Amino acid sequence: MKKLIISMAFFGVISLQAQDYKSETIAFIKKTGSTALFDQAISQVGMMVPEDKKDAYTIEATGTLEELYTQLAELYMKEFSEEEIKTLNAFYESDLGKKLASKQTVLTQQGMVIGQSWAMKLQEVAKKYAQ
């Protein structure tokens, strides 16, 4: 009985630590500027929803974010240790980290345009050698 109680307490502590790790990871993801990208995606997809249903859509769509953040956290937790996540969080709490997060959406959008332009040039190079 005593061993059972000790085992349950041990697993409870591990479970709390894992939850803290996941919470820290979700906090990190939100600090990177992802929230703005997700909000923008919800808004863009919502443009096809009739105006009289937009509020309900927005509430339901926003409700899907928790699952998204959890899935992303699990992905990041496979690649970064808890200590690394804490370090990343500290960076994103710094002035430079906040600046990066505030610029992330614009940088991503402009980066995609640059990447698409590059891909078209790359296709031209490939066509030259495909003949």
Protein backbone atom coordinates (compact mmCIF):
# COMPACT_ATOMS: atom_id res chain seq x y z
CA MET A 1 0.00 0.00 0.00
CA LYS A 2 2.82 2.36 0.92
CA LYS A 3 4.57 1.58 -2.38
CA LEU A 4 1.37 2.30 -4.27
CA ILE A 5 1.00 5.71 -2.62
CA ILE A 6 4.65 6.54 -3.29
CA SER A 7 4.29 5.44 -6.92
CA MET A 8 1.15 7.54 -7.36
CA ALA A 9 2.87 10.58 -5.84
CA PHE A 10 5.91 10.07 -8.08
CA PHE A 11 3.80 9.84 -11.22
CA GLY A 12 1.79 12.85 -10.09
CA VAL A 13 4.97 14.92 -9.81
CA ILE A 14 6.16 13.73 -13.23
CA SER A 15 2.75 14.55 -14.70
CA LEU A 16 2.88 18.07 -13.24
CA GLN A 17 6.40 18.57 -14.58
CA ALA A 18 5.32 17.42 -18.03
CA GLN A 19 2.35 19.79 -17.90
CA ASP A 20 4.66 22.67 -16.89
CA TYR A 21 6.95 21.80 -19.81
CA LYS A 22 4.00 21.79 -22.21
CA SER A 23 2.68 25.07 -20.76
CA GLU A 24 6.12 26.66 -21.11
CA THR A 25 6.30 25.42 -24.69
CA ILE A 26 2.86 26.82 -25.55
CA ALA A 27 3.87 30.14 -23.98
CA PHE A 28 6.99 30.15 -26.15
CA ILE A 29 4.98 29.45 -29.32
CA LYS A 30 2.61 32.31 -28.51
CA LYS A 31 5.53 34.66 -27.90
CA THR A 32 7.01 34.00 -31.35
CA GLY A 33 4.26 35.89 -33.12
CA SER A 34 2.33 32.79 -34.17
CA THR A 35 -0.83 34.11 -32.54
CA ALA A 36 -1.03 36.94 -35.06
CA LEU A 37 -0.59 34.49 -37.95
CA PHE A 38 -3.31 32.21 -36.62
CA ASP A 39 -5.68 35.13 -36.01
CA GLN A 40 -5.02 36.33 -39.54
CA ALA A 41 -5.73 32.85 -40.93
CA ILE A 42 -9.01 32.67 -39.00
CA SER A 43 -9.97 36.08 -40.36
CA GLN A 44 -9.03 35.24 -43.96
CA VAL A 45 -10.87 31.92 -43.97
CA GLY A 46 -13.80 33.68 -42.30
CA MET A 47 -14.20 36.01 -45.27
CA MET A 48 -16.21 33.27 -46.98
CA VAL A 49 -18.63 33.09 -44.01
CA PRO A 50 -21.78 35.20 -44.30
CA GLU A 51 -21.76 38.27 -42.06
CA ASP A 52 -24.68 37.05 -39.93
CA LYS A 53 -22.72 33.89 -39.01
CA LYS A 54 -19.29 35.47 -38.63
CA ASP A 55 -19.42 35.82 -34.81
CA ALA A 56 -20.31 32.15 -34.36
CA TYR A 57 -17.61 31.15 -36.85
CA THR A 58 -14.99 33.25 -35.07
CA ILE A 59 -15.85 31.76 -31.68
CA GLU A 60 -15.69 28.19 -33.01
CA ALA A 61 -12.56 28.81 -35.09
CA THR A 62 -10.79 30.42 -32.14
CA GLY A 63 -11.77 27.38 -30.09
CA THR A 64 -9.62 25.22 -32.35
CA LEU A 65 -6.46 27.10 -31.35
CA GLU A 66 -5.99 25.23 -28.07
CA GLU A 67 -5.63 21.92 -29.91
CA LEU A 68 -3.32 23.55 -32.45
CA TYR A 69 -1.08 24.96 -29.71
CA THR A 70 -1.00 21.56 -27.99
CA GLN A 71 0.02 19.79 -31.21
CA LEU A 72 2.68 22.41 -31.93
CA ALA A 73 3.96 22.14 -28.36
CA GLU A 74 4.34 18.39 -28.75
CA LEU A 75 6.30 18.97 -31.96
CA TYR A 76 8.62 21.50 -30.30
CA MET A 77 9.03 19.27 -27.24
CA LYS A 78 10.43 16.54 -29.51
CA GLU A 79 13.11 18.93 -30.76
CA PHE A 80 13.90 21.12 -27.72
CA SER A 81 14.58 20.21 -24.12
CA GLU A 82 12.71 21.88 -21.29
CA GLU A 83 15.80 23.96 -20.53
CA GLU A 84 16.05 25.07 -24.16
CA ILE A 85 12.37 26.10 -24.15
CA LYS A 86 13.02 28.15 -21.01
CA THR A 87 15.95 29.83 -22.76
CA LEU A 88 13.82 30.56 -25.83
CA ASN A 89 11.10 32.00 -23.59
CA ALA A 90 13.67 34.26 -21.94
CA PHE A 91 14.83 35.44 -25.36
CA TYR A 92 11.29 36.25 -26.50
CA GLU A 93 10.77 38.21 -23.28
CA SER A 94 13.80 40.40 -24.13
CA ASP A 95 13.46 43.58 -26.17
CA LEU A 96 15.07 41.92 -29.19
CA GLY A 97 12.84 38.87 -28.86
CA LYS A 98 9.73 41.06 -28.66
CA LYS A 99 10.88 42.97 -31.74
CA LEU A 100 11.41 39.72 -33.64
CA ALA A 101 7.98 38.45 -32.61
CA SER A 102 6.31 41.71 -33.65
CA LYS A 103 7.96 41.53 -37.09
CA GLN A 104 7.50 37.79 -37.62
CA THR A 105 4.22 37.96 -39.56
CA VAL A 106 5.52 40.56 -42.02
CA LEU A 107 8.84 38.75 -42.38
CA THR A 108 7.07 35.46 -43.05
CA GLN A 109 4.75 36.99 -45.64
CA GLN A 110 7.55 38.82 -47.43
CA GLY A 111 9.78 35.77 -47.18
CA MET A 112 7.13 33.66 -48.93
CA VAL A 113 6.98 36.16 -51.80
CA ILE A 114 10.77 36.05 -52.12
CA GLY A 115 10.69 32.24 -51.97
CA GLN A 116 8.04 32.03 -54.69
CA SER A 117 10.07 34.33 -56.93
CA TRP A 118 13.18 32.24 -56.34
CA ALA A 119 11.26 29.03 -57.10
CA MET A 120 10.19 30.46 -60.48
CA LYS A 121 13.82 31.31 -61.30
CA LEU A 122 14.85 27.84 -60.21
CA GLN A 123 12.29 26.30 -62.55
CA GLU A 124 13.77 28.30 -65.43
CA VAL A 125 17.25 26.99 -64.59
CA ALA A 126 15.89 23.41 -64.44
CA LYS A 127 14.11 23.82 -67.80
CA LYS A 128 17.38 24.88 -69.39
CA TYR A 129 19.00 21.61 -68.33
CA ALA A 130 15.96 19.39 -68.89
CA GLN A 131 16.20 19.76 -72.69
